[in-house]
Amino acid sequence: MNIRKTLLSIFAVLFLVGGLGAGCAKSPDDVCKHLNKLMAKEIGSKGGAASANKGCQKRWKRAKEMKGYFKYRRISRCVTAADSLKKAVKCK
């Protein structure tokens, strides 16, 4: 009986830790880094990337505040999973 409780508690802890880790949103910094990689890949130049990155982070931080956690999480995951700028723009 004691072994059963121990195994159940271990399983519960692993389930909670795994579930919470899988549900994290991407940070605005991660989203902007991915967008910069896509821009460099498609356009081929890094001109103005630093100034664009400041504006990007500001926009994504504001989106995180205004849209709410769950909507922001869905959009940020979509953008970071996109393999082209065209697909990233469609994330809403």
Protein backbone atom coordinates (compact mmCIF):
# COMPACT_ATOMS: atom_id res chain seq x y z
CA MET A 1 0.00 0.00 0.00
CA ASN A 2 2.84 2.39 0.80
CA ILE A 3 4.57 1.62 -2.51
CA ARG A 4 1.37 2.41 -4.38
CA LYS A 5 1.13 5.86 -2.79
CA THR A 6 4.77 6.56 -3.53
CA LEU A 7 4.44 5.57 -7.18
CA LEU A 8 1.24 7.56 -7.52
CA SER A 9 2.83 10.68 -6.04
CA ILE A 10 5.90 10.33 -8.31
CA PHE A 11 3.65 9.93 -11.34
CA ALA A 12 1.59 12.97 -10.32
CA VAL A 13 4.68 15.15 -9.92
CA LEU A 14 6.09 14.06 -13.30
CA PHE A 15 2.75 14.70 -14.97
CA LEU A 16 2.47 18.20 -13.52
CA VAL A 17 6.05 19.16 -14.36
CA GLY A 18 5.74 17.81 -17.90
CA GLY A 19 2.37 19.47 -18.45
CA LEU A 20 3.52 22.85 -17.25
CA GLY A 21 6.73 22.73 -19.27
CA ALA A 22 4.87 21.90 -22.47
CA GLY A 23 2.53 24.82 -22.07
CA CYS A 24 5.06 27.66 -22.10
CA ALA A 25 4.83 30.55 -24.50
CA LYS A 26 7.81 31.78 -26.47
CA SER A 27 9.38 34.97 -25.17
CA PRO A 28 9.24 38.14 -27.29
CA ASP A 29 13.01 37.86 -27.67
CA ASP A 30 12.72 34.31 -29.09
CA VAL A 31 9.99 35.39 -31.51
CA CYS A 32 12.04 38.34 -32.75
CA LYS A 33 15.19 36.23 -33.16
CA HIS A 34 13.23 33.76 -35.27
CA LEU A 35 11.75 36.55 -37.38
CA ASN A 36 15.23 38.01 -37.90
CA LYS A 37 16.49 34.60 -39.07
CA LEU A 38 13.62 34.33 -41.52
CA MET A 39 14.22 37.87 -42.76
CA ALA A 40 17.94 37.21 -43.26
CA LYS A 41 17.18 33.95 -45.07
CA GLU A 42 14.61 35.43 -47.44
CA ILE A 43 15.94 38.93 -47.98
CA GLY A 44 19.60 38.07 -47.61
CA SER A 45 20.79 41.18 -45.79
CA LYS A 46 21.02 42.12 -42.15
CA GLY A 47 20.81 45.87 -42.71
CA GLY A 48 18.67 47.55 -40.07
CA ALA A 49 18.17 44.34 -38.11
CA ALA A 50 19.19 45.93 -34.80
CA SER A 51 16.70 48.79 -35.03
CA ALA A 52 14.01 46.48 -36.34
CA ASN A 53 14.66 44.11 -33.43
CA LYS A 54 14.01 46.87 -30.85
CA GLY A 55 10.68 47.66 -32.45
CA CYS A 56 9.90 43.97 -32.75
CA GLN A 57 10.49 43.26 -29.08
CA LYS A 58 8.40 46.26 -28.07
CA ARG A 59 5.50 45.12 -30.27
CA TRP A 60 5.62 41.52 -28.99
CA LYS A 61 5.84 42.59 -25.34
CA ARG A 62 2.78 44.76 -25.88
CA ALA A 63 0.98 41.91 -27.66
CA LYS A 64 1.74 39.66 -24.69
CA GLU A 65 0.18 42.19 -22.33
CA MET A 66 -2.85 43.06 -24.46
CA LYS A 67 -3.88 39.71 -25.96
CA GLY A 68 -3.64 37.61 -22.84
CA TYR A 69 -1.43 34.65 -22.13
CA PHE A 70 -3.25 31.91 -24.04
CA LYS A 71 -3.77 33.85 -27.26
CA TYR A 72 -0.19 35.15 -27.15
CA ARG A 73 1.10 31.61 -26.56
CA ARG A 74 -0.77 30.31 -29.61
CA ILE A 75 0.46 33.13 -31.85
CA SER A 76 4.08 33.00 -30.63
CA ARG A 77 4.24 29.25 -31.18
CA CYS A 78 2.81 29.66 -34.66
CA VAL A 79 5.34 32.35 -35.59
CA THR A 80 8.33 30.41 -34.26
CA ALA A 81 7.18 27.26 -36.08
CA ALA A 82 6.85 29.08 -39.41
CA ASP A 83 9.56 28.41 -41.95
CA SER A 84 8.88 31.50 -44.06
CA LEU A 85 7.82 35.08 -43.50
CA LYS A 86 4.67 34.44 -45.51
CA LYS A 87 3.57 31.75 -43.05
CA ALA A 88 4.57 33.86 -40.04
CA VAL A 89 2.41 36.75 -41.21
CA LYS A 90 -0.64 34.46 -41.38
CA CYS A 91 -0.41 33.62 -37.65
CA LYS A 92 -3.28 35.31 -35.87
